[in-house]
N, C-alpha and C. Protein backbone atom coordinates (compact mmCIF):
# COMPACT_ATOMS: atom_id res chain seq x y z
N MET A 1 0.84 -1.18 0.00
CA MET A 1 0.00 0.00 0.00
C MET A 1 0.88 1.24 0.00
N THR A 2 0.59 2.15 -0.90
CA THR A 2 1.35 3.39 -1.00
C THR A 2 0.70 4.46 -0.15
N VAL A 3 1.52 5.14 0.62
CA VAL A 3 1.03 6.24 1.46
C VAL A 3 1.54 7.54 0.85
N HIS A 4 0.64 8.45 0.59
CA HIS A 4 1.00 9.75 0.02
C HIS A 4 0.84 10.82 1.09
N LYS A 5 1.83 11.67 1.18
CA LYS A 5 1.78 12.78 2.11
C LYS A 5 0.88 13.87 1.53
N ILE A 6 -0.04 14.36 2.33
CA ILE A 6 -0.91 15.45 1.90
C ILE A 6 -0.25 16.76 2.29
N THR A 7 -0.08 17.62 1.32
CA THR A 7 0.56 18.91 1.55
C THR A 7 -0.48 20.01 1.49
N LYS A 8 -0.49 20.84 2.50
CA LYS A 8 -1.40 21.97 2.55
C LYS A 8 -0.80 23.11 1.71
N LEU A 9 -1.57 23.58 0.73
CA LEU A 9 -1.10 24.68 -0.11
C LEU A 9 -1.35 26.01 0.57
N THR A 10 -0.50 26.98 0.26
CA THR A 10 -0.74 28.34 0.73
C THR A 10 -1.84 28.96 -0.12
N VAL A 11 -2.33 30.10 0.30
CA VAL A 11 -3.36 30.81 -0.48
C VAL A 11 -2.82 31.13 -1.87
N ALA A 12 -1.61 31.65 -1.94
CA ALA A 12 -1.03 32.02 -3.24
C ALA A 12 -0.85 30.80 -4.14
N GLU A 13 -0.39 29.69 -3.57
CA GLU A 13 -0.24 28.47 -4.36
C GLU A 13 -1.58 27.98 -4.88
N SER A 14 -2.60 28.06 -4.04
CA SER A 14 -3.95 27.63 -4.44
C SER A 14 -4.47 28.47 -5.60
N VAL A 15 -4.30 29.79 -5.48
CA VAL A 15 -4.78 30.69 -6.54
C VAL A 15 -4.03 30.42 -7.84
N LEU A 16 -2.71 30.24 -7.77
CA LEU A 16 -1.94 29.98 -8.99
C LEU A 16 -2.25 28.61 -9.59
N ALA A 17 -2.58 27.64 -8.75
CA ALA A 17 -2.90 26.32 -9.26
C ALA A 17 -4.22 26.31 -10.03
N ARG A 18 -5.19 27.11 -9.57
CA ARG A 18 -6.51 27.16 -10.22
C ARG A 18 -7.03 28.60 -10.21
N PRO A 19 -6.39 29.49 -10.98
CA PRO A 19 -6.74 30.91 -10.93
C PRO A 19 -8.19 31.21 -11.31
N ARG A 20 -8.78 30.41 -12.20
CA ARG A 20 -10.16 30.69 -12.60
C ARG A 20 -11.16 30.28 -11.52
N MET A 21 -10.71 29.56 -10.52
CA MET A 21 -11.57 29.24 -9.39
C MET A 21 -11.70 30.46 -8.46
N TYR A 22 -10.68 31.31 -8.44
CA TYR A 22 -10.64 32.44 -7.53
C TYR A 22 -10.87 33.79 -8.21
N THR A 23 -10.75 33.83 -9.54
CA THR A 23 -10.93 35.08 -10.29
C THR A 23 -11.79 34.80 -11.52
N PRO A 24 -12.39 35.84 -12.10
CA PRO A 24 -13.27 35.62 -13.26
C PRO A 24 -12.62 34.94 -14.46
N ASP A 25 -11.40 35.36 -14.82
CA ASP A 25 -10.79 34.72 -16.00
C ASP A 25 -9.36 34.23 -15.77
N GLY A 26 -8.84 34.37 -14.56
CA GLY A 26 -7.53 33.83 -14.25
C GLY A 26 -6.36 34.61 -14.80
N SER A 27 -6.60 35.83 -15.25
CA SER A 27 -5.51 36.63 -15.82
C SER A 27 -4.53 37.07 -14.73
N LEU A 28 -3.36 37.46 -15.17
CA LEU A 28 -2.35 37.97 -14.25
C LEU A 28 -2.88 39.17 -13.48
N ALA A 29 -3.56 40.08 -14.17
CA ALA A 29 -4.11 41.27 -13.50
C ALA A 29 -5.08 40.88 -12.40
N GLN A 30 -5.92 39.90 -12.65
CA GLN A 30 -6.89 39.49 -11.64
C GLN A 30 -6.22 38.76 -10.48
N VAL A 31 -5.22 37.96 -10.76
CA VAL A 31 -4.48 37.29 -9.69
C VAL A 31 -3.79 38.33 -8.81
N LEU A 32 -3.16 39.33 -9.42
CA LEU A 32 -2.51 40.39 -8.65
C LEU A 32 -3.52 41.18 -7.83
N THR A 33 -4.68 41.43 -8.40
CA THR A 33 -5.73 42.15 -7.67
C THR A 33 -6.21 41.33 -6.48
N PHE A 34 -6.37 40.03 -6.68
CA PHE A 34 -6.74 39.14 -5.57
C PHE A 34 -5.69 39.23 -4.46
N PHE A 35 -4.40 39.13 -4.84
CA PHE A 35 -3.33 39.19 -3.85
C PHE A 35 -3.30 40.55 -3.15
N ALA A 36 -3.50 41.63 -3.92
CA ALA A 36 -3.48 42.98 -3.34
C ALA A 36 -4.65 43.15 -2.35
N GLY A 37 -5.82 42.63 -2.69
CA GLY A 37 -6.96 42.70 -1.78
C GLY A 37 -6.71 41.92 -0.51
N TYR A 38 -6.13 40.75 -0.65
CA TYR A 38 -5.79 39.92 0.51
C TYR A 38 -4.78 40.66 1.39
N ASP A 39 -3.77 41.26 0.75
CA ASP A 39 -2.74 42.01 1.47
C ASP A 39 -3.35 43.21 2.19
N LEU A 40 -4.25 43.92 1.52
CA LEU A 40 -4.90 45.08 2.12
C LEU A 40 -5.71 44.69 3.35
N ALA A 41 -6.44 43.59 3.25
CA ALA A 41 -7.21 43.11 4.40
C ALA A 41 -6.29 42.77 5.56
N ARG A 42 -5.17 42.14 5.25
CA ARG A 42 -4.18 41.77 6.28
C ARG A 42 -3.62 43.01 6.96
N LYS A 43 -3.32 44.03 6.18
CA LYS A 43 -2.74 45.26 6.73
C LYS A 43 -3.73 46.05 7.56
N HIS A 44 -5.02 45.84 7.34
CA HIS A 44 -6.03 46.62 8.06
C HIS A 44 -6.78 45.80 9.09
N GLY A 45 -6.11 44.82 9.64
CA GLY A 45 -6.64 44.16 10.81
C GLY A 45 -7.27 42.80 10.65
N ALA A 46 -7.46 42.34 9.43
CA ALA A 46 -8.02 41.00 9.27
C ALA A 46 -6.98 39.99 9.76
N ARG A 47 -7.41 39.03 10.51
CA ARG A 47 -6.50 38.01 11.01
C ARG A 47 -6.30 36.95 9.93
N VAL A 48 -5.08 36.87 9.45
CA VAL A 48 -4.74 35.85 8.45
C VAL A 48 -3.48 35.13 8.90
N ASP A 49 -3.48 33.83 8.72
CA ASP A 49 -2.31 33.03 9.09
C ASP A 49 -1.37 32.82 7.92
N ASP A 50 -1.81 33.16 6.74
CA ASP A 50 -1.04 32.90 5.52
C ASP A 50 -0.68 34.23 4.87
N GLU A 51 0.59 34.52 4.82
CA GLU A 51 1.06 35.77 4.23
C GLU A 51 1.61 35.58 2.82
N SER A 52 1.32 34.45 2.19
CA SER A 52 1.91 34.17 0.88
C SER A 52 1.54 35.20 -0.19
N PRO A 53 0.28 35.69 -0.26
CA PRO A 53 0.01 36.72 -1.27
C PRO A 53 0.85 37.98 -1.05
N SER A 54 1.04 38.37 0.20
CA SER A 54 1.87 39.54 0.51
C SER A 54 3.32 39.28 0.14
N GLN A 55 3.80 38.06 0.38
CA GLN A 55 5.17 37.71 0.03
C GLN A 55 5.38 37.76 -1.48
N VAL A 56 4.39 37.31 -2.24
CA VAL A 56 4.48 37.37 -3.70
C VAL A 56 4.55 38.82 -4.16
N LEU A 57 3.68 39.67 -3.63
CA LEU A 57 3.69 41.08 -4.03
C LEU A 57 5.02 41.74 -3.68
N HIS A 58 5.54 41.44 -2.51
CA HIS A 58 6.83 42.00 -2.10
C HIS A 58 7.94 41.52 -3.03
N TRP A 59 7.95 40.23 -3.35
CA TRP A 59 8.95 39.67 -4.26
C TRP A 59 8.85 40.33 -5.64
N LEU A 60 7.63 40.52 -6.12
CA LEU A 60 7.45 41.15 -7.43
C LEU A 60 7.94 42.59 -7.44
N THR A 61 7.70 43.33 -6.36
CA THR A 61 8.17 44.72 -6.32
C THR A 61 9.69 44.76 -6.36
N GLU A 62 10.34 43.83 -5.68
CA GLU A 62 11.81 43.79 -5.72
C GLU A 62 12.33 43.32 -7.07
N THR A 63 11.73 42.27 -7.60
CA THR A 63 12.18 41.68 -8.86
C THR A 63 11.99 42.63 -10.03
N CYS A 64 10.89 43.35 -10.03
CA CYS A 64 10.56 44.23 -11.16
C CYS A 64 10.89 45.69 -10.88
N ALA A 65 11.63 45.96 -9.82
CA ALA A 65 12.07 47.31 -9.45
C ALA A 65 10.90 48.29 -9.33
N CYS A 66 9.90 47.90 -8.55
CA CYS A 66 8.74 48.75 -8.30
C CYS A 66 8.81 49.29 -6.88
N ARG A 67 7.95 50.23 -6.61
CA ARG A 67 7.78 50.73 -5.25
C ARG A 67 6.46 50.19 -4.72
N GLU A 68 6.39 49.98 -3.43
CA GLU A 68 5.18 49.39 -2.83
C GLU A 68 3.92 50.17 -3.19
N TYR A 69 4.02 51.51 -3.23
CA TYR A 69 2.82 52.31 -3.48
C TYR A 69 2.31 52.16 -4.91
N GLU A 70 3.08 51.56 -5.80
CA GLU A 70 2.66 51.36 -7.19
C GLU A 70 1.70 50.18 -7.34
N LEU A 71 1.55 49.40 -6.33
CA LEU A 71 0.69 48.22 -6.42
C LEU A 71 -0.76 48.61 -6.48
N PRO A 72 -1.59 47.94 -7.21
CA PRO A 72 -1.23 47.04 -8.31
C PRO A 72 -1.23 47.73 -9.67
N SER A 73 -1.57 49.04 -9.70
CA SER A 73 -1.78 49.70 -10.98
C SER A 73 -0.58 49.66 -11.92
N LEU A 74 0.59 50.07 -11.47
CA LEU A 74 1.76 50.07 -12.34
C LEU A 74 2.53 48.75 -12.30
N LEU A 75 2.23 47.95 -11.29
CA LEU A 75 2.96 46.70 -11.15
C LEU A 75 2.75 45.80 -12.36
N LEU A 76 1.53 45.69 -12.83
CA LEU A 76 1.25 44.81 -13.98
C LEU A 76 2.10 45.21 -15.18
N GLU A 77 2.16 46.49 -15.47
CA GLU A 77 2.95 46.96 -16.61
C GLU A 77 4.43 46.61 -16.43
N ARG A 78 4.95 46.83 -15.24
CA ARG A 78 6.37 46.53 -14.98
C ARG A 78 6.64 45.02 -15.02
N ILE A 79 5.70 44.23 -14.54
CA ILE A 79 5.86 42.78 -14.57
C ILE A 79 5.93 42.30 -16.01
N LEU A 80 5.03 42.80 -16.84
CA LEU A 80 5.03 42.40 -18.25
C LEU A 80 6.31 42.85 -18.96
N GLN A 81 6.80 44.02 -18.60
CA GLN A 81 8.07 44.48 -19.17
C GLN A 81 9.22 43.56 -18.74
N HIS A 82 9.17 43.14 -17.49
CA HIS A 82 10.26 42.31 -16.95
C HIS A 82 10.21 40.87 -17.47
N PHE A 83 9.02 40.25 -17.43
CA PHE A 83 8.90 38.83 -17.77
C PHE A 83 8.49 38.58 -19.23
N GLY A 84 7.92 39.56 -19.88
CA GLY A 84 7.56 39.42 -21.29
C GLY A 84 6.12 39.02 -21.54
N THR A 85 5.64 37.97 -20.86
CA THR A 85 4.26 37.52 -21.05
C THR A 85 3.62 37.20 -19.70
N GLU A 86 2.29 37.14 -19.71
CA GLU A 86 1.57 36.77 -18.49
C GLU A 86 1.93 35.36 -18.05
N THR A 87 2.02 34.45 -19.01
CA THR A 87 2.33 33.06 -18.69
C THR A 87 3.70 32.94 -18.03
N THR A 88 4.69 33.64 -18.58
CA THR A 88 6.03 33.61 -18.00
C THR A 88 6.02 34.20 -16.60
N ALA A 89 5.28 35.27 -16.41
CA ALA A 89 5.19 35.90 -15.09
C ALA A 89 4.52 34.97 -14.08
N LEU A 90 3.42 34.34 -14.46
CA LEU A 90 2.73 33.41 -13.56
C LEU A 90 3.62 32.22 -13.24
N ASN A 91 4.38 31.74 -14.21
CA ASN A 91 5.31 30.64 -13.96
C ASN A 91 6.43 31.07 -13.01
N ALA A 92 6.90 32.30 -13.15
CA ALA A 92 7.95 32.82 -12.25
C ALA A 92 7.42 32.93 -10.83
N ILE A 93 6.18 33.36 -10.68
CA ILE A 93 5.57 33.44 -9.35
C ILE A 93 5.46 32.04 -8.75
N ALA A 94 5.04 31.08 -9.55
CA ALA A 94 4.94 29.69 -9.08
C ALA A 94 6.31 29.17 -8.68
N ASP A 95 7.35 29.49 -9.44
CA ASP A 95 8.71 29.07 -9.10
C ASP A 95 9.16 29.71 -7.78
N PHE A 96 8.82 30.99 -7.58
CA PHE A 96 9.15 31.67 -6.33
C PHE A 96 8.49 30.96 -5.15
N LEU A 97 7.22 30.63 -5.30
CA LEU A 97 6.50 29.94 -4.22
C LEU A 97 7.08 28.55 -3.96
N LYS A 98 7.47 27.87 -5.02
CA LYS A 98 8.09 26.54 -4.86
C LYS A 98 9.41 26.66 -4.10
N ALA A 99 10.18 27.68 -4.41
CA ALA A 99 11.45 27.91 -3.71
C ALA A 99 11.20 28.22 -2.24
N GLN A 100 10.14 29.00 -1.97
CA GLN A 100 9.77 29.32 -0.58
C GLN A 100 9.42 28.04 0.17
N ARG A 101 8.64 27.19 -0.46
CA ARG A 101 8.23 25.92 0.17
C ARG A 101 9.46 25.04 0.43
N THR A 102 10.35 24.95 -0.55
CA THR A 102 11.55 24.13 -0.41
C THR A 102 12.43 24.64 0.73
N ALA A 103 12.58 25.97 0.80
CA ALA A 103 13.38 26.57 1.87
C ALA A 103 12.74 26.29 3.24
N ALA A 104 11.43 26.39 3.32
CA ALA A 104 10.74 26.14 4.58
C ALA A 104 10.86 24.69 5.00
N ASN A 105 10.87 23.78 4.04
CA ASN A 105 10.97 22.35 4.35
C ASN A 105 12.37 21.94 4.80
N THR A 106 13.39 22.73 4.44
CA THR A 106 14.76 22.39 4.82
C THR A 106 15.16 22.99 6.16
N GLU A 107 14.32 23.86 6.70
CA GLU A 107 14.63 24.49 7.99
C GLU A 107 14.33 23.57 9.13
């Protein structure tokens, strides 16, 4: 009998795995808006145990040379300039989250 370990996904991983489940069409803009809304709720007192959407936004601002106050309006434009396409950007975000998970598992 094979035993499989069940891994709990973060909010950001869940959204990236099935973006159309959480947004109307799963576009990069809508995923970023979802993350920005989650981050805004967290900053204004909502109790959240998962900071992965905020971590993604922070990583994107550093990677794409943005300022925090530019989120999300100018961030999309800068992300597309940096990564080239929405698909490449979404894959880069997924890779970032995978690296975060790997680092957390080695600690």
